[in-house]
N, C-alpha and C. Protein backbone atom coordinates (compact mmCIF):
# COMPACT_ATOMS: atom_id res chain seq x y z
N MET A 1 131.66 102.10 113.39
CA MET A 1 130.38 102.62 112.94
C MET A 1 130.26 104.08 113.40
N THR A 2 129.84 104.93 112.49
CA THR A 2 129.68 106.34 112.82
C THR A 2 128.35 106.56 113.54
N ASP A 3 128.21 107.75 114.13
CA ASP A 3 126.93 108.10 114.76
C ASP A 3 125.81 108.09 113.74
N GLU A 4 126.10 108.55 112.52
CA GLU A 4 125.08 108.56 111.48
C GLU A 4 124.67 107.13 111.11
N ASP A 5 125.64 106.24 111.00
CA ASP A 5 125.32 104.83 110.70
C ASP A 5 124.45 104.22 111.79
N ALA A 6 124.78 104.51 113.05
CA ALA A 6 124.01 103.97 114.17
C ALA A 6 122.59 104.53 114.14
N SER A 7 122.46 105.81 113.83
CA SER A 7 121.13 106.43 113.74
C SER A 7 120.31 105.79 112.63
N LYS A 8 120.92 105.57 111.48
CA LYS A 8 120.22 104.93 110.36
C LYS A 8 119.79 103.51 110.74
N ASP A 9 120.66 102.79 111.43
CA ASP A 9 120.32 101.43 111.87
C ASP A 9 119.11 101.44 112.81
N ARG A 10 119.06 102.42 113.73
CA ARG A 10 117.93 102.51 114.65
C ARG A 10 116.64 102.80 113.89
N PHE A 11 116.68 103.74 112.93
CA PHE A 11 115.49 104.04 112.15
C PHE A 11 115.05 102.83 111.32
N PHE A 12 115.99 102.10 110.76
CA PHE A 12 115.67 100.92 109.97
C PHE A 12 114.99 99.86 110.86
N ALA A 13 115.50 99.70 112.07
CA ALA A 13 114.90 98.75 113.01
C ALA A 13 113.48 99.20 113.39
N GLU A 14 113.28 100.50 113.60
CA GLU A 14 111.95 101.01 113.91
C GLU A 14 110.99 100.78 112.75
N ALA A 15 111.45 101.03 111.52
CA ALA A 15 110.61 100.81 110.34
C ALA A 15 110.24 99.33 110.22
N GLY A 16 111.19 98.46 110.49
CA GLY A 16 110.92 97.02 110.44
C GLY A 16 109.92 96.59 111.50
N ALA A 17 110.06 97.14 112.70
CA ALA A 17 109.11 96.81 113.78
C ALA A 17 107.71 97.30 113.43
N LEU A 18 107.61 98.50 112.86
CA LEU A 18 106.31 99.02 112.45
C LEU A 18 105.71 98.15 111.35
N ALA A 19 106.53 97.74 110.39
CA ALA A 19 106.04 96.85 109.32
C ALA A 19 105.53 95.54 109.91
N ASP A 20 106.24 94.98 110.87
CA ASP A 20 105.79 93.74 111.52
C ASP A 20 104.44 93.93 112.20
N LYS A 21 104.25 95.08 112.87
CA LYS A 21 102.97 95.37 113.53
C LYS A 21 101.85 95.49 112.50
N MET A 22 102.12 96.17 111.39
CA MET A 22 101.09 96.33 110.36
C MET A 22 100.73 94.98 109.75
N ILE A 23 101.72 94.13 109.52
CA ILE A 23 101.46 92.79 108.96
C ILE A 23 100.60 91.99 109.93
N ALA A 24 100.95 92.03 111.21
CA ALA A 24 100.20 91.27 112.21
C ALA A 24 98.75 91.76 112.30
N ALA A 25 98.53 93.05 112.16
CA ALA A 25 97.20 93.62 112.32
C ALA A 25 96.35 93.54 111.06
N HIS A 26 97.00 93.73 109.88
CA HIS A 26 96.23 93.90 108.65
C HIS A 26 96.75 93.12 107.44
N GLY A 27 97.84 92.41 107.58
CA GLY A 27 98.37 91.60 106.50
C GLY A 27 99.47 92.28 105.69
N LYS A 28 100.13 91.45 104.89
CA LYS A 28 101.27 91.91 104.09
C LYS A 28 100.88 92.95 103.05
N ASP A 29 99.74 92.77 102.40
CA ASP A 29 99.33 93.72 101.35
C ASP A 29 99.17 95.12 101.91
N PHE A 30 98.53 95.23 103.09
CA PHE A 30 98.37 96.54 103.72
C PHE A 30 99.73 97.14 104.05
N ALA A 31 100.60 96.36 104.66
CA ALA A 31 101.92 96.87 105.06
C ALA A 31 102.72 97.34 103.84
N MET A 32 102.74 96.52 102.79
CA MET A 32 103.48 96.92 101.59
C MET A 32 102.89 98.17 100.95
N GLY A 33 101.57 98.21 100.86
CA GLY A 33 100.92 99.38 100.27
C GLY A 33 101.20 100.65 101.05
N THR A 34 101.17 100.54 102.37
CA THR A 34 101.45 101.69 103.21
C THR A 34 102.88 102.18 103.03
N LEU A 35 103.82 101.26 102.99
CA LEU A 35 105.23 101.65 102.85
C LEU A 35 105.51 102.22 101.46
N VAL A 36 104.87 101.67 100.44
CA VAL A 36 105.03 102.23 99.08
C VAL A 36 104.44 103.63 99.02
N LEU A 37 103.26 103.81 99.61
CA LEU A 37 102.64 105.13 99.64
C LEU A 37 103.53 106.13 100.39
N ALA A 38 104.10 105.69 101.49
CA ALA A 38 105.00 106.57 102.24
C ALA A 38 106.19 106.97 101.39
N ALA A 39 106.76 106.03 100.64
CA ALA A 39 107.89 106.34 99.76
C ALA A 39 107.48 107.35 98.68
N ARG A 40 106.27 107.17 98.16
CA ARG A 40 105.77 108.10 97.14
C ARG A 40 105.62 109.51 97.73
N TRP A 41 105.06 109.59 98.94
CA TRP A 41 104.91 110.90 99.57
C TRP A 41 106.27 111.55 99.82
N ILE A 42 107.25 110.78 100.25
CA ILE A 42 108.59 111.30 100.46
C ILE A 42 109.14 111.85 99.14
N ALA A 43 109.00 111.08 98.06
CA ALA A 43 109.50 111.51 96.75
C ALA A 43 108.81 112.78 96.28
N GLU A 44 107.53 112.94 96.62
CA GLU A 44 106.76 114.11 96.20
C GLU A 44 106.90 115.29 97.17
N GLY A 45 107.62 115.09 98.26
CA GLY A 45 107.83 116.15 99.22
C GLY A 45 106.63 116.46 100.10
N LYS A 46 105.71 115.51 100.19
CA LYS A 46 104.52 115.71 101.03
C LYS A 46 104.86 115.44 102.48
N SER A 47 104.13 116.11 103.38
CA SER A 47 104.36 115.95 104.80
C SER A 47 103.37 114.95 105.38
N PHE A 48 103.85 114.11 106.25
CA PHE A 48 102.98 113.19 106.98
C PHE A 48 102.35 113.91 108.16
N ALA A 49 103.09 114.80 108.77
CA ALA A 49 102.67 115.45 110.00
C ALA A 49 101.54 116.46 109.79
N ASN A 50 101.45 117.04 108.62
CA ASN A 50 100.48 118.11 108.40
C ASN A 50 99.14 117.61 107.87
N ARG A 51 98.96 116.30 107.74
CA ARG A 51 97.71 115.76 107.22
C ARG A 51 96.73 115.60 108.38
N PRO A 52 95.56 116.26 108.30
CA PRO A 52 94.59 116.13 109.39
C PRO A 52 94.17 114.68 109.61
N GLN A 53 93.93 114.32 110.86
CA GLN A 53 93.49 112.97 111.22
C GLN A 53 92.18 112.65 110.50
N GLY A 54 92.11 111.48 109.89
CA GLY A 54 90.89 111.06 109.23
C GLY A 54 90.78 111.52 107.78
N GLN A 55 91.70 112.35 107.31
CA GLN A 55 91.66 112.80 105.91
C GLN A 55 91.98 111.62 105.01
N ALA A 56 91.26 111.52 103.90
CA ALA A 56 91.46 110.40 102.97
C ALA A 56 92.87 110.44 102.38
N VAL A 57 93.45 109.26 102.21
CA VAL A 57 94.76 109.12 101.60
C VAL A 57 94.58 109.16 100.09
N GLN A 58 95.44 109.91 99.41
CA GLN A 58 95.35 110.02 97.95
C GLN A 58 96.62 109.53 97.31
């Protein structure tokens, strides 16, 4: 396994753990919607870090 493969595996595990936390706190629909929205933002080149806290999600 390359360093890049190991890094990708760690990020995948982190994403899975976050999804599990979201499901436990708010249910599957919330978790799926959040992850789909995140994928959409990535595709559109939007930044997660630059969004002010409390700003409505669009």
